[in-house]
PDB file of N, CA and C in Angstrom:
ATOM      1  N   MET A   1      57.159 203.846 124.952  1.00  0.00           N
ATOM      2  CA  MET A   1      58.400 203.564 123.867  1.00  0.00           C
ATOM      3  C   MET A   1      59.238 202.283 124.255  1.00  0.00           C
ATOM      4  N   GLY A   2      59.928 201.773 123.169  1.00  0.00           N
ATOM      5  CA  GLY A   2      60.179 200.577 122.885  1.00  0.00           C
ATOM      6  C   GLY A   2      61.524 200.319 123.518  1.00  0.00           C
ATOM      7  N   LYS A   3      62.329 199.354 123.332  1.00  0.00           N
ATOM      8  CA  LYS A   3      63.591 199.081 123.786  1.00  0.00           C
ATOM      9  C   LYS A   3      64.812 199.661 122.876  1.00  0.00           C
ATOM     10  N   LYS A   4      65.722 200.530 123.181  1.00  0.00           N
ATOM     11  CA  LYS A   4      66.915 200.653 122.467  1.00  0.00           C
ATOM     12  C   LYS A   4      67.647 199.897 121.895  1.00  0.00           C
ATOM     13  N   LEU A   5      68.365 200.019 120.785  1.00  0.00           N
ATOM     14  CA  LEU A   5      68.596 199.125 119.763  1.00  0.00           C
ATOM     15  C   LEU A   5      69.851 200.004 119.208  1.00  0.00           C
ATOM     16  N   SER A   6      71.142 199.452 119.613  1.00  0.00           N
ATOM     17  CA  SER A   6      72.282 199.740 119.266  1.00  0.00           C
ATOM     18  C   SER A   6      73.187 198.821 118.405  1.00  0.00           C
ATOM     19  N   LEU A   7      73.739 199.470 116.965  1.00  0.00           N
ATOM     20  CA  LEU A   7      73.992 198.564 116.174  1.00  0.00           C
ATOM     21  C   LEU A   7      75.710 199.082 116.037  1.00  0.00           C
ATOM     22  N   TYR A   8      76.504 198.374 115.697  1.00  0.00           N
ATOM     23  CA  TYR A   8      77.987 198.737 115.606  1.00  0.00           C
ATOM     24  C   TYR A   8      78.410 198.096 114.611  1.00  0.00           C
ATOM     25  N   PHE A   9      79.116 198.989 113.658  1.00  0.00           N
ATOM     26  CA  PHE A   9      79.759 198.331 112.692  1.00  0.00           C
ATOM     27  C   PHE A   9      81.293 198.232 112.366  1.00  0.00           C
ATOM     28  N   VAL A  10      81.787 197.075 112.228  1.00  0.00           N
ATOM     29  CA  VAL A  10      83.550 197.553 112.697  1.00  0.00           C
ATOM     30  C   VAL A  10      84.153 196.454 111.538  1.00  0.00           C
ATOM     31  N   ARG A  11      85.076 197.266 110.845  1.00  0.00           N
ATOM     32  CA  ARG A  11      85.906 196.440 109.856  1.00  0.00           C
ATOM     33  C   ARG A  11      86.996 196.222 110.185  1.00  0.00           C
ATOM     34  N   HIS A  12      87.525 194.906 109.750  1.00  0.00           N
ATOM     35  CA  HIS A  12      89.393 194.723 109.955  1.00  0.00           C
ATOM     36  C   HIS A  12      89.919 195.309 109.051  1.00  0.00           C
ATOM     37  N   GLY A  13      91.055 195.401 109.429  1.00  0.00           N
ATOM     38  CA  GLY A  13      92.061 195.927 108.555  1.00  0.00           C
ATOM     39  C   GLY A  13      92.720 194.925 107.224  1.00  0.00           C
ATOM     40  N   GLN A  14      93.296 195.349 106.264  1.00  0.00           N
ATOM     41  CA  GLN A  14      93.804 194.640 105.430  1.00  0.00           C
ATOM     42  C   GLN A  14      94.513 193.492 105.534  1.00  0.00           C
ATOM     43  N   THR A  15      94.400 192.167 105.455  1.00  0.00           N
ATOM     44  CA  THR A  15      95.196 191.082 105.448  1.00  0.00           C
ATOM     45  C   THR A  15      95.937 190.426 104.306  1.00  0.00           C
ATOM     46  N   TYR A  16      97.049 189.999 104.194  1.00  0.00           N
ATOM     47  CA  TYR A  16      97.670 189.262 103.191  1.00  0.00           C
ATOM     48  C   TYR A  16      96.668 188.770 101.892  1.00  0.00           C
ATOM     49  N   LEU A  17      95.860 187.828 102.631  1.00  0.00           N
ATOM     50  CA  LEU A  17      94.845 186.965 101.591  1.00  0.00           C
ATOM     51  C   LEU A  17      93.878 188.343 101.022  1.00  0.00           C
ATOM     52  N   ASN A  18      93.389 189.420 101.717  1.00  0.00           N
ATOM     53  CA  ASN A  18      92.492 190.092 100.845  1.00  0.00           C
ATOM     54  C   ASN A  18      93.223 190.418  99.744  1.00  0.00           C
ATOM     55  N   LYS A  19      94.613 190.916 100.088  1.00  0.00           N
ATOM     56  CA  LYS A  19      95.321 192.125  99.075  1.00  0.00           C
ATOM     57  C   LYS A  19      95.713 191.140  97.976  1.00  0.00           C
ATOM     58  N   ASN A  20      95.474 189.583  98.033  1.00  0.00           N
ATOM     59  CA  ASN A  20      96.198 188.944  97.175  1.00  0.00           C
ATOM     60  C   ASN A  20      94.782 188.259  96.545  1.00  0.00           C
ATOM     61  N   LEU A  21      93.816 188.954  96.846  1.00  0.00           N
ATOM     62  CA  LEU A  21      92.291 188.408  96.530  1.00  0.00           C
ATOM     63  C   LEU A  21      91.944 187.047  96.532  1.00  0.00           C
ATOM     64  N   ARG A  22      92.449 186.575  97.803  1.00  0.00           N
ATOM     65  CA  ARG A  22      92.160 185.171  98.344  1.00  0.00           C
ATOM     66  C   ARG A  22      91.049 185.089  99.708  1.00  0.00           C
ATOM     67  N   MET A  23      90.185 184.252  99.197  1.00  0.00           N
ATOM     68  CA  MET A  23      89.182 183.893 100.404  1.00  0.00           C
ATOM     69  C   MET A  23      89.420 183.548 101.868  1.00  0.00           C
ATOM     70  N   GLN A  24      89.055 184.086 102.680  1.00  0.00           N
ATOM     71  CA  GLN A  24      89.906 183.943 104.040  1.00  0.00           C
ATOM     72  C   GLN A  24      88.381 183.700 104.962  1.00  0.00           C
ATOM     73  N   GLY A  25      88.542 183.216 106.147  1.00  0.00           N
ATOM     74  CA  GLY A  25      87.408 183.079 106.833  1.00  0.00           C
ATOM     75  C   GLY A  25      87.836 181.834 108.136  1.00  0.00           C
ATOM     76  N   TRP A  26      88.540 180.985 107.495  1.00  0.00           N
ATOM     77  CA  TRP A  26      88.865 179.855 108.717  1.00  0.00           C
ATOM     78  C   TRP A  26      89.964 179.889 109.493  1.00  0.00           C
ATOM     79  N   ALA A  27      91.000 180.971 109.170  1.00  0.00           N
ATOM     80  CA  ALA A  27      91.897 181.467 110.358  1.00  0.00           C
ATOM     81  C   ALA A  27      92.218 182.603 110.103  1.00  0.00           C
ATOM     82  N   ASP A  28      92.762 182.733 111.167  1.00  0.00           N
ATOM     83  CA  ASP A  28      93.402 184.466 111.607  1.00  0.00           C
ATOM     84  C   ASP A  28      94.555 184.572 110.420  1.00  0.00           C
ATOM     85  N   THR A  29      94.591 185.456 109.601  1.00  0.00           N
ATOM     86  CA  THR A  29      95.923 185.925 108.798  1.00  0.00           C
ATOM     87  C   THR A  29      96.481 186.862 108.838  1.00  0.00           C
ATOM     88  N   PRO A  30      98.095 187.256 109.025  1.00  0.00           N
ATOM     89  CA  PRO A  30      98.365 188.803 109.575  1.00  0.00           C
ATOM     90  C   PRO A  30      97.908 189.642 108.694  1.00  0.00           C
ATOM     91  N   LEU A  31      97.817 190.786 109.578  1.00  0.00           N
ATOM     92  CA  LEU A  31      97.415 192.239 108.537  1.00  0.00           C
ATOM     93  C   LEU A  31      98.926 192.574 107.803  1.00  0.00           C
ATOM     94  N   THR A  32      98.556 193.363 106.616  1.00  0.00           N
ATOM     95  CA  THR A  32      99.539 194.045 106.276  1.00  0.00           C
ATOM     96  C   THR A  32     100.093 195.217 106.831  1.00  0.00           C
ATOM     97  N   PRO A  33     100.965 195.956 106.552  1.00  0.00           N
ATOM     98  CA  PRO A  33     101.320 197.306 107.154  1.00  0.00           C
ATOM     99  C   PRO A  33     100.192 198.376 106.936  1.00  0.00           C
ATOM    100  N   GLU A  34      99.411 198.271 105.681  1.00  0.00           N
ATOM    101  CA  GLU A  34      98.241 199.187 105.693  1.00  0.00           C
ATOM    102  C   GLU A  34      97.148 198.740 106.682  1.00  0.00           C
ATOM    103  N   GLY A  35      97.066 197.301 106.768  1.00  0.00           N
ATOM    104  CA  GLY A  35      95.882 196.853 107.645  1.00  0.00           C
ATOM    105  C   GLY A  35      96.125 197.495 109.424  1.00  0.00           C
ATOM    106  N   ILE A  36      97.646 197.199 109.512  1.00  0.00           N
ATOM    107  CA  ILE A  36      97.820 197.946 110.750  1.00  0.00           C
ATOM    108  C   ILE A  36      97.919 199.321 111.107  1.00  0.00           C
ATOM    109  N   GLU A  37      97.838 200.034 110.142  1.00  0.00           N
ATOM    110  CA  GLU A  37      98.091 201.514 110.328  1.00  0.00           C
ATOM    111  C   GLU A  37      96.660 202.113 110.565  1.00  0.00           C
ATOM    112  N   ILE A  38      96.761 203.185 112.159  1.00  0.00           N
ATOM    113  CA  ILE A  38      95.795 203.353 112.605  1.00  0.00           C
ATOM    114  C   ILE A  38      95.175 204.904 111.767  1.00  0.00           C
ATOM    115  N   VAL A  39      93.910 204.942 111.147  1.00  0.00           N
ATOM    116  CA  VAL A  39      93.489 206.148 110.303  1.00  0.00           C
ATOM    117  C   VAL A  39      93.217 207.060 111.680  1.00  0.00           C
TER     118      VAL A  39
END
């Protein structure tokens, strides 16, 4: 049998740039209260 492969999918919470439909990725932006909320 071959090697085992594990994949993990992770999604970050909503940020203020996401909320305002702005592109992000160059720097960290603060999470909105909804982005901080644990589901």
